[in-house]
Amino acid sequence: MKIETVEQLRQLYPPPKDRAVRKQLPALDVHCRRYIALSPFLVIATSNRAGQMDASPRGGPGGFVKVISPTSLLIPDSPGNNRLDTLENILATGAVGLLFMIPGIDETLRVNGTASLSCDEDHLREFAGDSKAPRLVIQVSVNEVYLHCAKAFMRSRLWDASRAVSRSVLPSLGEMIHSQIGEPAPTETQEEMVRRYQAEL
């Protein structure tokens, strides 16, 4: 049976517990701000006007995202592949969802809101000490924020070193892309790719 209505869906799942509803906050409290100050990694989800979704990883030293008020934070746009999917989606709709993670911590932090792109000097100055200053920053206006329970990370044991998968189980990224698109250029090895990335960080 295909589930097509909320009523059908709720026949399978009980209502959320009161705490799961009340934990959603309209702004970043002291605990959320501390989490962001420790987080070196997030995933940012955006969409265009046609509803096509995109999720992109962003990383840096712990605290690379700057909280400038309880309802506003700045994400530096570090060098990437120049597809600009996230940035173009922000220009189109402004809707964003963020998932912050801290290595070794099973709880995550979810932030939903609206975003804009800024080259404001005061915003760029927040990242003046970075090895490569961003060309722009993503300014997120927070609409809702909440800590997410540890169940998914406990199930996956994501931070358990004994569960780490050897990079050798997959071809290099260069080999996979070469296979996918039939690129005529010589295939870049994993080691060559890592050296190139390190020079661009």
N, C-alpha and C. Protein backbone atom coordinates (compact mmCIF):
# COMPACT_ATOMS: atom_id res chain seq x y z
N MET A 1 0.85 -1.20 0.00
CA MET A 1 0.00 0.00 0.00
C MET A 1 0.88 1.25 0.00
N LYS A 2 0.58 2.17 -0.87
CA LYS A 2 1.31 3.43 -0.93
C LYS A 2 0.74 4.40 0.08
N ILE A 3 1.61 5.02 0.85
CA ILE A 3 1.18 6.01 1.84
C ILE A 3 1.05 7.35 1.13
N GLU A 4 -0.16 7.94 1.18
CA GLU A 4 -0.41 9.18 0.45
C GLU A 4 -0.95 10.30 1.32
N THR A 5 -1.34 10.02 2.55
CA THR A 5 -1.90 11.05 3.42
C THR A 5 -1.23 11.01 4.78
N VAL A 6 -1.32 12.13 5.48
CA VAL A 6 -0.78 12.20 6.84
C VAL A 6 -1.54 11.23 7.75
N GLU A 7 -2.83 11.08 7.50
CA GLU A 7 -3.63 10.16 8.32
C GLU A 7 -3.12 8.72 8.17
N GLN A 8 -2.83 8.31 6.95
CA GLN A 8 -2.28 6.96 6.74
C GLN A 8 -0.92 6.82 7.42
N LEU A 9 -0.12 7.87 7.33
CA LEU A 9 1.20 7.84 7.94
C LEU A 9 1.09 7.70 9.45
N ARG A 10 0.17 8.43 10.06
CA ARG A 10 0.03 8.41 11.51
C ARG A 10 -0.57 7.11 12.03
N GLN A 11 -1.14 6.32 11.15
CA GLN A 11 -1.59 4.99 11.56
C GLN A 11 -0.41 4.07 11.85
N LEU A 12 0.75 4.40 11.26
CA LEU A 12 1.94 3.59 11.46
C LEU A 12 2.80 4.08 12.62
N TYR A 13 2.70 5.37 12.93
CA TYR A 13 3.56 5.97 13.95
C TYR A 13 2.74 6.67 15.02
N PRO A 14 3.10 6.53 16.29
CA PRO A 14 2.40 7.26 17.35
C PRO A 14 2.79 8.74 17.31
N PRO A 15 2.07 9.60 17.99
CA PRO A 15 2.43 11.02 18.04
C PRO A 15 3.80 11.19 18.70
N PRO A 16 4.52 12.25 18.36
CA PRO A 16 5.81 12.48 19.01
C PRO A 16 5.61 12.78 20.49
N LYS A 17 6.61 12.41 21.27
CA LYS A 17 6.53 12.71 22.70
C LYS A 17 6.64 14.21 22.92
N ASP A 18 6.09 14.65 24.04
CA ASP A 18 6.04 16.09 24.32
C ASP A 18 7.41 16.73 24.26
N ARG A 19 8.44 16.06 24.79
CA ARG A 19 9.77 16.64 24.81
C ARG A 19 10.33 16.82 23.40
N ALA A 20 10.00 15.90 22.49
CA ALA A 20 10.48 15.99 21.11
C ALA A 20 9.91 17.22 20.41
N VAL A 21 8.72 17.64 20.82
CA VAL A 21 8.10 18.84 20.24
C VAL A 21 8.64 20.10 20.91
N ARG A 22 8.73 20.08 22.24
CA ARG A 22 9.11 21.28 22.97
C ARG A 22 10.60 21.62 22.84
N LYS A 23 11.44 20.66 22.43
CA LYS A 23 12.87 20.94 22.32
C LYS A 23 13.19 21.86 21.15
N GLN A 24 12.25 22.04 20.23
CA GLN A 24 12.48 22.94 19.10
C GLN A 24 12.47 24.38 19.59
N LEU A 25 13.55 25.11 19.33
CA LEU A 25 13.70 26.48 19.80
C LEU A 25 13.70 27.45 18.63
N PRO A 26 13.34 28.71 18.87
CA PRO A 26 13.36 29.71 17.80
C PRO A 26 14.70 30.41 17.64
N ALA A 27 15.66 30.10 18.52
CA ALA A 27 16.96 30.78 18.47
C ALA A 27 18.01 29.88 19.09
N LEU A 28 19.26 30.25 18.88
CA LEU A 28 20.40 29.48 19.40
C LEU A 28 20.63 29.82 20.86
N ASP A 29 20.43 28.84 21.74
CA ASP A 29 20.72 29.08 23.16
C ASP A 29 22.18 28.76 23.45
N VAL A 30 22.57 28.78 24.72
CA VAL A 30 23.96 28.58 25.09
C VAL A 30 24.48 27.21 24.66
N HIS A 31 23.62 26.19 24.73
CA HIS A 31 24.05 24.84 24.36
C HIS A 31 24.24 24.71 22.85
N CYS A 32 23.35 25.31 22.08
CA CYS A 32 23.47 25.28 20.61
C CYS A 32 24.71 26.04 20.16
N ARG A 33 24.96 27.16 20.79
CA ARG A 33 26.12 27.96 20.43
C ARG A 33 27.41 27.21 20.76
N ARG A 34 27.43 26.53 21.89
CA ARG A 34 28.60 25.74 22.26
C ARG A 34 28.82 24.61 21.28
N TYR A 35 27.73 23.97 20.85
CA TYR A 35 27.83 22.88 19.88
C TYR A 35 28.47 23.38 18.58
N ILE A 36 27.99 24.50 18.08
CA ILE A 36 28.52 25.05 16.83
C ILE A 36 29.98 25.45 17.00
N ALA A 37 30.35 25.94 18.18
CA ALA A 37 31.72 26.35 18.43
C ALA A 37 32.69 25.16 18.42
N LEU A 38 32.16 23.95 18.63
CA LEU A 38 32.99 22.75 18.63
C LEU A 38 32.93 21.98 17.31
N SER A 39 31.94 22.29 16.48
CA SER A 39 31.69 21.49 15.28
C SER A 39 32.63 21.84 14.14
N PRO A 40 33.31 20.83 13.54
CA PRO A 40 34.15 21.06 12.38
C PRO A 40 33.47 20.68 11.06
N PHE A 41 32.18 20.29 11.13
CA PHE A 41 31.55 19.73 9.93
C PHE A 41 30.04 19.94 9.98
N LEU A 42 29.48 20.27 8.81
CA LEU A 42 28.02 20.35 8.69
C LEU A 42 27.62 19.94 7.28
N VAL A 43 26.36 19.60 7.14
CA VAL A 43 25.75 19.38 5.83
C VAL A 43 24.69 20.46 5.66
N ILE A 44 24.74 21.16 4.52
CA ILE A 44 23.76 22.20 4.23
C ILE A 44 22.85 21.74 3.10
N ALA A 45 21.54 21.76 3.36
CA ALA A 45 20.55 21.35 2.36
C ALA A 45 19.84 22.59 1.83
N THR A 46 19.69 22.63 0.50
CA THR A 46 19.02 23.75 -0.15
C THR A 46 18.14 23.22 -1.27
N SER A 47 17.32 24.09 -1.84
CA SER A 47 16.49 23.69 -2.99
C SER A 47 16.32 24.86 -3.93
N ASN A 48 16.07 24.53 -5.21
CA ASN A 48 15.79 25.59 -6.17
C ASN A 48 14.29 25.80 -6.29
N ARG A 49 13.88 26.69 -7.18
CA ARG A 49 12.45 27.00 -7.29
C ARG A 49 11.63 25.83 -7.80
N ALA A 50 12.28 24.89 -8.49
CA ALA A 50 11.57 23.72 -9.01
C ALA A 50 11.45 22.62 -7.96
N GLY A 51 12.01 22.85 -6.78
CA GLY A 51 11.95 21.86 -5.72
C GLY A 51 13.05 20.82 -5.78
N GLN A 52 14.01 21.00 -6.69
CA GLN A 52 15.14 20.07 -6.75
C GLN A 52 16.06 20.34 -5.57
N MET A 53 16.40 19.27 -4.85
CA MET A 53 17.15 19.40 -3.60
C MET A 53 18.64 19.18 -3.82
N ASP A 54 19.43 19.73 -2.90
CA ASP A 54 20.86 19.51 -2.90
C ASP A 54 21.33 19.49 -1.45
N ALA A 55 22.27 18.63 -1.14
CA ALA A 55 22.89 18.60 0.18
C ALA A 55 24.39 18.60 -0.01
N SER A 56 25.08 19.51 0.67
CA SER A 56 26.50 19.71 0.44
C SER A 56 27.25 19.72 1.77
N PRO A 57 28.40 19.02 1.86
CA PRO A 57 29.20 19.04 3.08
C PRO A 57 30.03 20.32 3.16
N ARG A 58 30.21 20.82 4.37
CA ARG A 58 31.07 21.96 4.63
C ARG A 58 31.93 21.65 5.85
N GLY A 59 33.21 21.99 5.80
CA GLY A 59 34.08 21.66 6.92
C GLY A 59 35.17 22.68 7.14
N GLY A 60 35.74 22.62 8.34
CA GLY A 60 36.84 23.50 8.71
C GLY A 60 37.26 23.18 10.13
N PRO A 61 38.11 23.98 10.70
CA PRO A 61 38.46 23.76 12.11
C PRO A 61 37.22 23.89 12.99
N GLY A 62 37.24 23.26 14.16
CA GLY A 62 36.10 23.39 15.05
C GLY A 62 35.73 24.84 15.26
N GLY A 63 34.46 25.18 15.11
CA GLY A 63 34.03 26.56 15.24
C GLY A 63 34.21 27.39 13.99
N PHE A 64 34.39 26.74 12.83
CA PHE A 64 34.58 27.51 11.59
C PHE A 64 33.32 28.29 11.21
N VAL A 65 32.17 27.87 11.72
CA VAL A 65 30.94 28.64 11.54
C VAL A 65 30.83 29.62 12.71
N LYS A 66 30.58 30.87 12.42
CA LYS A 66 30.54 31.91 13.45
C LYS A 66 29.09 32.29 13.78
N VAL A 67 28.77 32.25 15.06
CA VAL A 67 27.46 32.71 15.53
C VAL A 67 27.60 34.19 15.87
N ILE A 68 26.83 35.05 15.20
CA ILE A 68 26.95 36.48 15.46
C ILE A 68 25.78 37.03 16.26
N SER A 69 24.74 36.22 16.42
CA SER A 69 23.62 36.58 17.30
C SER A 69 22.83 35.30 17.54
N PRO A 70 21.88 35.31 18.48
CA PRO A 70 21.08 34.10 18.73
C PRO A 70 20.28 33.63 17.51
N THR A 71 20.10 34.51 16.53
CA THR A 71 19.32 34.12 15.35
C THR A 71 20.09 34.29 14.04
N SER A 72 21.41 34.40 14.12
CA SER A 72 22.17 34.61 12.89
C SER A 72 23.54 33.95 13.00
N LEU A 73 23.94 33.26 11.94
CA LEU A 73 25.27 32.67 11.89
C LEU A 73 25.85 32.82 10.49
N LEU A 74 27.19 32.71 10.43
CA LEU A 74 27.91 32.89 9.18
C LEU A 74 28.69 31.64 8.84
N ILE A 75 28.56 31.17 7.59
CA ILE A 75 29.30 30.02 7.09
C ILE A 75 30.23 30.51 5.98
N PRO A 76 31.55 30.34 6.15
CA PRO A 76 32.46 30.78 5.08
C PRO A 76 32.32 29.87 3.86
N ASP A 77 32.38 30.47 2.68
CA ASP A 77 32.35 29.65 1.47
C ASP A 77 33.78 29.34 1.06
N SER A 78 34.26 28.18 1.48
CA SER A 78 35.63 27.76 1.19
C SER A 78 35.74 27.25 -0.24
N PRO A 79 36.97 27.18 -0.79
CA PRO A 79 37.15 26.72 -2.17
C PRO A 79 36.55 25.33 -2.39
N GLY A 80 35.85 25.16 -3.51
CA GLY A 80 35.23 23.88 -3.83
C GLY A 80 35.37 23.58 -5.32
N ASN A 81 34.31 22.99 -5.88
CA ASN A 81 34.38 22.59 -7.29
C ASN A 81 33.79 23.63 -8.24
N ASN A 82 33.31 24.74 -7.67
CA ASN A 82 32.75 25.86 -8.46
C ASN A 82 31.46 25.52 -9.19
N ARG A 83 30.80 24.42 -8.81
CA ARG A 83 29.46 24.18 -9.35
C ARG A 83 28.47 25.21 -8.82
N LEU A 84 28.65 25.61 -7.57
CA LEU A 84 27.84 26.65 -6.92
C LEU A 84 26.38 26.24 -6.73
N ASP A 85 26.12 24.93 -6.63
CA ASP A 85 24.73 24.47 -6.45
C ASP A 85 24.09 25.12 -5.22
N THR A 86 24.80 25.08 -4.09
CA THR A 86 24.26 25.65 -2.85
C THR A 86 24.00 27.14 -3.00
N LEU A 87 24.98 27.85 -3.53
CA LEU A 87 24.86 29.30 -3.63
C LEU A 87 23.75 29.72 -4.59
N GLU A 88 23.64 29.02 -5.72
CA GLU A 88 22.57 29.35 -6.67
C GLU A 88 21.20 29.04 -6.07
N ASN A 89 21.10 27.95 -5.31
CA ASN A 89 19.82 27.62 -4.66
C ASN A 89 19.45 28.68 -3.63
N ILE A 90 20.44 29.18 -2.91
CA ILE A 90 20.16 30.23 -1.92
C ILE A 90 19.65 31.48 -2.62
N LEU A 91 20.25 31.83 -3.75
CA LEU A 91 19.76 32.97 -4.52
C LEU A 91 18.33 32.74 -5.00
N ALA A 92 18.00 31.49 -5.31
CA ALA A 92 16.67 31.18 -5.86
C ALA A 92 15.59 31.17 -4.78
N THR A 93 15.86 30.53 -3.64
CA THR A 93 14.79 30.36 -2.64
C THR A 93 15.18 30.83 -1.24
N GLY A 94 16.45 30.80 -0.90
CA GLY A 94 16.88 31.20 0.43
C GLY A 94 16.64 30.18 1.52
N ALA A 95 15.96 29.08 1.21
CA ALA A 95 15.64 28.09 2.24
C ALA A 95 16.84 27.19 2.51
N VAL A 96 17.19 26.99 3.79
CA VAL A 96 18.31 26.13 4.14
C VAL A 96 17.98 25.27 5.35
N GLY A 97 18.61 24.09 5.38
CA GLY A 97 18.59 23.23 6.56
C GLY A 97 20.02 22.82 6.84
N LEU A 98 20.47 22.94 8.08
CA LEU A 98 21.84 22.62 8.46
C LEU A 98 21.85 21.47 9.45
N LEU A 99 22.81 20.57 9.29
CA LEU A 99 23.02 19.48 10.24
C LEU A 99 24.47 19.53 10.69
N PHE A 100 24.69 19.96 11.93
CA PHE A 100 26.03 20.06 12.50
C PHE A 100 26.41 18.75 13.18
N MET A 101 27.70 18.38 13.08
CA MET A 101 28.21 17.18 13.71
C MET A 101 29.53 17.47 14.41
N ILE A 102 29.80 16.70 15.48
CA ILE A 102 31.07 16.77 16.19
C ILE A 102 31.62 15.35 16.27
N PRO A 103 32.82 15.09 15.78
CA PRO A 103 33.39 13.74 15.86
C PRO A 103 33.38 13.22 17.30
N GLY A 104 32.89 11.99 17.46
CA GLY A 104 32.83 11.38 18.77
C GLY A 104 31.56 11.65 19.53
N ILE A 105 30.75 12.60 19.07
CA ILE A 105 29.48 12.94 19.72
C ILE A 105 28.34 12.40 18.86
N ASP A 106 27.47 11.60 19.45
CA ASP A 106 26.40 10.98 18.67
C ASP A 106 25.21 11.90 18.43
N GLU A 107 25.02 12.90 19.29
CA GLU A 107 23.94 13.85 19.05
C GLU A 107 24.34 14.85 17.96
N THR A 108 23.38 15.28 17.17
CA THR A 108 23.62 16.29 16.14
C THR A 108 22.78 17.53 16.44
N LEU A 109 23.07 18.61 15.74
CA LEU A 109 22.31 19.85 15.90
C LEU A 109 21.71 20.23 14.56
N ARG A 110 20.40 20.43 14.56
CA ARG A 110 19.69 20.80 13.33
C ARG A 110 19.27 22.25 13.40
N VAL A 111 19.53 22.98 12.33
CA VAL A 111 19.16 24.39 12.23
C VAL A 111 18.44 24.59 10.90
N ASN A 112 17.25 25.16 10.95
CA ASN A 112 16.51 25.47 9.74
C ASN A 112 16.27 26.98 9.69
N GLY A 113 16.31 27.53 8.49
CA GLY A 113 16.09 28.96 8.38
C GLY A 113 16.17 29.44 6.95
N THR A 114 16.51 30.70 6.79
CA THR A 114 16.67 31.30 5.48
C THR A 114 18.10 31.85 5.38
N ALA A 115 18.61 31.89 4.15
CA ALA A 115 20.00 32.29 3.96
C ALA A 115 20.12 33.35 2.88
N SER A 116 21.18 34.12 2.99
CA SER A 116 21.55 35.08 1.96
C SER A 116 23.07 35.04 1.80
N LEU A 117 23.55 35.59 0.71
CA LEU A 117 24.99 35.62 0.43
C LEU A 117 25.52 37.02 0.71
N SER A 118 26.65 37.09 1.40
CA SER A 118 27.17 38.38 1.82
C SER A 118 28.66 38.52 1.54
N CYS A 119 29.04 39.69 1.02
CA CYS A 119 30.45 40.08 0.90
C CYS A 119 30.73 41.26 1.83
N ASP A 120 29.87 41.45 2.81
CA ASP A 120 30.02 42.54 3.77
C ASP A 120 31.37 42.45 4.48
N GLU A 121 32.07 43.55 4.57
CA GLU A 121 33.42 43.56 5.15
C GLU A 121 33.41 43.09 6.60
N ASP A 122 32.39 43.46 7.36
CA ASP A 122 32.31 43.02 8.75
C ASP A 122 32.16 41.50 8.83
N HIS A 123 31.40 40.92 7.91
CA HIS A 123 31.22 39.48 7.89
C HIS A 123 32.51 38.77 7.47
N LEU A 124 33.17 39.27 6.44
CA LEU A 124 34.41 38.65 5.97
C LEU A 124 35.51 38.76 7.03
N ARG A 125 35.47 39.84 7.82
CA ARG A 125 36.48 40.04 8.85
C ARG A 125 36.42 38.95 9.92
N GLU A 126 35.26 38.33 10.10
CA GLU A 126 35.12 37.24 11.07
C GLU A 126 36.05 36.07 10.73
N PHE A 127 36.49 35.99 9.47
CA PHE A 127 37.31 34.86 9.01
C PHE A 127 38.69 35.31 8.57
N ALA A 128 39.12 36.46 9.08
CA ALA A 128 40.39 37.03 8.67
C ALA A 128 41.57 36.14 9.02
N GLY A 129 41.45 35.33 10.06
CA GLY A 129 42.54 34.47 10.46
C GLY A 129 42.61 33.15 9.72
N ASP A 130 41.64 32.88 8.85
CA ASP A 130 41.64 31.62 8.12
C ASP A 130 42.80 31.57 7.12
N SER A 131 43.24 30.35 6.79
CA SER A 131 44.35 30.21 5.85
C SER A 131 44.01 30.78 4.48
N LYS A 132 42.75 30.63 4.07
CA LYS A 132 42.28 31.25 2.83
C LYS A 132 40.98 31.98 3.13
N ALA A 133 41.02 33.29 3.01
CA ALA A 133 39.83 34.09 3.30
C ALA A 133 38.73 33.77 2.28
N PRO A 134 37.48 33.63 2.74
CA PRO A 134 36.38 33.33 1.80
C PRO A 134 36.07 34.53 0.91
N ARG A 135 35.57 34.23 -0.28
CA ARG A 135 35.13 35.30 -1.17
C ARG A 135 33.81 35.87 -0.70
N LEU A 136 33.01 35.01 -0.08
CA LEU A 136 31.73 35.43 0.48
C LEU A 136 31.37 34.52 1.64
N VAL A 137 30.35 34.91 2.38
CA VAL A 137 29.84 34.07 3.46
C VAL A 137 28.35 33.84 3.25
N ILE A 138 27.89 32.72 3.77
CA ILE A 138 26.46 32.42 3.79
C ILE A 138 25.93 32.87 5.14
N GLN A 139 25.03 33.85 5.14
CA GLN A 139 24.43 34.31 6.39
C GLN A 139 23.09 33.61 6.57
N VAL A 140 22.97 32.88 7.66
CA VAL A 140 21.75 32.12 7.93
C VAL A 140 20.96 32.80 9.04
N SER A 141 19.70 33.11 8.76
CA SER A 141 18.77 33.59 9.76
C SER A 141 18.01 32.39 10.31
N VAL A 142 18.16 32.14 11.60
CA VAL A 142 17.62 30.94 12.23
C VAL A 142 16.12 31.08 12.46
N ASN A 143 15.37 30.09 12.00
CA ASN A 143 13.94 30.02 12.30
C ASN A 143 13.63 28.99 13.38
N GLU A 144 14.33 27.86 13.32
CA GLU A 144 14.14 26.81 14.33
C GLU A 144 15.42 26.02 14.48
N VAL A 145 15.65 25.55 15.69
CA VAL A 145 16.87 24.81 15.99
C VAL A 145 16.56 23.78 17.06
N TYR A 146 17.16 22.60 16.92
CA TYR A 146 17.00 21.61 17.99
C TYR A 146 18.09 20.56 17.91
N LEU A 147 18.40 20.03 19.09
CA LEU A 147 19.34 18.92 19.21
C LEU A 147 18.65 17.64 18.81
N HIS A 148 19.34 16.85 17.99
CA HIS A 148 18.75 15.60 17.49
C HIS A 148 19.34 14.42 18.25
N CYS A 149 18.49 13.46 18.55
CA CYS A 149 18.91 12.33 19.38
C CYS A 149 19.99 11.49 18.70
N ALA A 150 20.62 10.62 19.48
CA ALA A 150 21.81 9.88 19.05
C ALA A 150 21.51 8.57 18.31
N LYS A 151 20.25 8.22 18.12
CA LYS A 151 19.92 6.88 17.64
C LYS A 151 20.58 6.51 16.31
N ALA A 152 20.55 7.41 15.33
CA ALA A 152 21.12 7.09 14.01
C ALA A 152 22.61 6.83 14.11
N PHE A 153 23.31 7.64 14.90
CA PHE A 153 24.76 7.45 15.04
C PHE A 153 25.07 6.22 15.88
N MET A 154 24.22 5.90 16.83
CA MET A 154 24.41 4.68 17.61
C MET A 154 24.21 3.45 16.72
N ARG A 155 23.21 3.51 15.84
CA ARG A 155 22.96 2.38 14.94
C ARG A 155 24.12 2.20 13.97
N SER A 156 24.63 3.29 13.45
CA SER A 156 25.69 3.22 12.44
C SER A 156 27.08 3.04 13.07
N ARG A 157 27.19 3.39 14.36
CA ARG A 157 28.49 3.39 15.05
C ARG A 157 29.52 4.17 14.22
N LEU A 158 29.09 5.32 13.78
CA LEU A 158 29.88 6.11 12.84
C LEU A 158 31.25 6.47 13.38
N TRP A 159 31.36 6.77 14.66
CA TRP A 159 32.65 7.22 15.20
C TRP A 159 33.49 6.07 15.75
N ASP A 160 33.01 4.86 15.62
CA ASP A 160 33.73 3.69 16.13
C ASP A 160 34.87 3.35 15.16
N ALA A 161 36.11 3.53 15.61
CA ALA A 161 37.26 3.32 14.72
C ALA A 161 37.32 1.90 14.19
N SER A 162 36.78 0.93 14.95
CA SER A 162 36.82 -0.45 14.49
C SER A 162 35.90 -0.68 13.29
N ARG A 163 34.99 0.26 13.04
CA ARG A 163 34.07 0.15 11.91
C ARG A 163 34.57 0.90 10.68
N ALA A 164 35.72 1.53 10.78
CA ALA A 164 36.24 2.30 9.65
C ALA A 164 36.48 1.39 8.45
N VAL A 165 36.11 1.87 7.27
CA VAL A 165 36.26 1.11 6.03
C VAL A 165 37.54 1.56 5.33
N SER A 166 38.33 0.63 4.90
CA SER A 166 39.57 0.96 4.21
C SER A 166 39.26 1.66 2.88
N ARG A 167 40.02 2.73 2.59
CA ARG A 167 39.81 3.45 1.33
C ARG A 167 40.00 2.53 0.13
N SER A 168 40.73 1.44 0.30
CA SER A 168 41.05 0.54 -0.81
C SER A 168 39.84 -0.25 -1.31
N VAL A 169 38.72 -0.23 -0.58
CA VAL A 169 37.57 -1.01 -1.02
C VAL A 169 36.86 -0.36 -2.22
N LEU A 170 37.18 0.90 -2.49
CA LEU A 170 36.60 1.60 -3.64
C LEU A 170 37.72 2.04 -4.57
N PRO A 171 37.42 2.17 -5.85
CA PRO A 171 38.39 2.81 -6.75
C PRO A 171 38.62 4.25 -6.30
N SER A 172 39.68 4.89 -6.78
CA SER A 172 39.88 6.30 -6.47
C SER A 172 38.73 7.11 -7.09
N LEU A 173 38.54 8.32 -6.56
CA LEU A 173 37.51 9.19 -7.12
C LEU A 173 37.77 9.42 -8.61
N GLY A 174 39.04 9.63 -8.96
CA GLY A 174 39.38 9.83 -10.37
C GLY A 174 38.99 8.65 -11.22
N GLU A 175 39.23 7.44 -10.72
CA GLU A 175 38.87 6.24 -11.47
C GLU A 175 37.37 6.10 -11.63
N MET A 176 36.63 6.41 -10.57
CA MET A 176 35.16 6.29 -10.65
C MET A 176 34.58 7.29 -11.63
N ILE A 177 35.05 8.55 -11.56
CA ILE A 177 34.54 9.57 -12.48
C ILE A 177 34.96 9.26 -13.91
N HIS A 178 36.18 8.78 -14.09
CA HIS A 178 36.65 8.39 -15.42
C HIS A 178 35.72 7.33 -16.01
N SER A 179 35.31 6.36 -15.18
CA SER A 179 34.41 5.32 -15.63
C SER A 179 33.03 5.87 -15.95
N GLN A 180 32.57 6.83 -15.15
CA GLN A 180 31.22 7.37 -15.32
C GLN A 180 31.08 8.23 -16.57
N ILE A 181 32.09 9.05 -16.85
CA ILE A 181 31.94 10.02 -17.95
C ILE A 181 32.88 9.75 -19.11
N GLY A 182 33.75 8.73 -18.99
CA GLY A 182 34.64 8.40 -20.08
C GLY A 182 35.64 9.50 -20.39
N GLU A 183 36.13 10.16 -19.36
CA GLU A 183 37.07 11.26 -19.54
C GLU A 183 38.34 10.76 -20.24
N PRO A 184 38.78 11.43 -21.29
CA PRO A 184 39.95 10.93 -22.03
C PRO A 184 41.27 11.19 -21.32
N ALA A 185 41.31 12.15 -20.39
CA ALA A 185 42.57 12.47 -19.71
C ALA A 185 43.02 11.30 -18.84
N PRO A 186 44.32 11.22 -18.53
CA PRO A 186 44.81 10.15 -17.66
C PRO A 186 44.11 10.17 -16.31
N THR A 187 43.86 9.00 -15.75
CA THR A 187 43.15 8.89 -14.48
C THR A 187 44.05 9.35 -13.34
N GLU A 188 43.54 10.25 -12.51
CA GLU A 188 44.27 10.73 -11.35
C GLU A 188 44.20 9.68 -10.24
N THR A 189 45.33 9.37 -9.65
CA THR A 189 45.34 8.41 -8.55
C THR A 189 44.82 9.07 -7.28
N GLN A 190 44.48 8.24 -6.30
CA GLN A 190 44.01 8.76 -5.03
C GLN A 190 45.08 9.66 -4.38
N GLU A 191 46.33 9.24 -4.44
CA GLU A 191 47.41 10.01 -3.84
C GLU A 191 47.58 11.37 -4.54
N GLU A 192 47.48 11.37 -5.88
CA GLU A 192 47.59 12.62 -6.63
C GLU A 192 46.43 13.56 -6.28
N MET A 193 45.24 13.00 -6.14
CA MET A 193 44.08 13.80 -5.80
C MET A 193 44.24 14.43 -4.42
N VAL A 194 44.70 13.65 -3.43
CA VAL A 194 44.88 14.17 -2.08
C VAL A 194 45.90 15.29 -2.08
N ARG A 195 47.00 15.14 -2.80
CA ARG A 195 48.00 16.20 -2.87
C ARG A 195 47.43 17.47 -3.49
N ARG A 196 46.62 17.30 -4.54
CA ARG A 196 46.01 18.47 -5.20
C ARG A 196 45.04 19.16 -4.25
N TYR A 197 44.21 18.38 -3.56
CA TYR A 197 43.26 18.95 -2.61
C TYR A 197 43.98 19.71 -1.50
N GLN A 198 45.05 19.10 -0.97
CA GLN A 198 45.77 19.75 0.13
C GLN A 198 46.33 21.10 -0.28
N ALA A 199 46.74 21.21 -1.52
CA ALA A 199 47.27 22.48 -2.01
C ALA A 199 46.17 23.53 -2.15
N GLU A 200 44.90 23.07 -2.28
CA GLU A 200 43.78 24.00 -2.48
C GLU A 200 43.03 24.32 -1.21
N LEU A 201 43.31 23.61 -0.11
CA LEU A 201 42.56 23.82 1.12
C LEU A 201 42.69 25.25 1.65
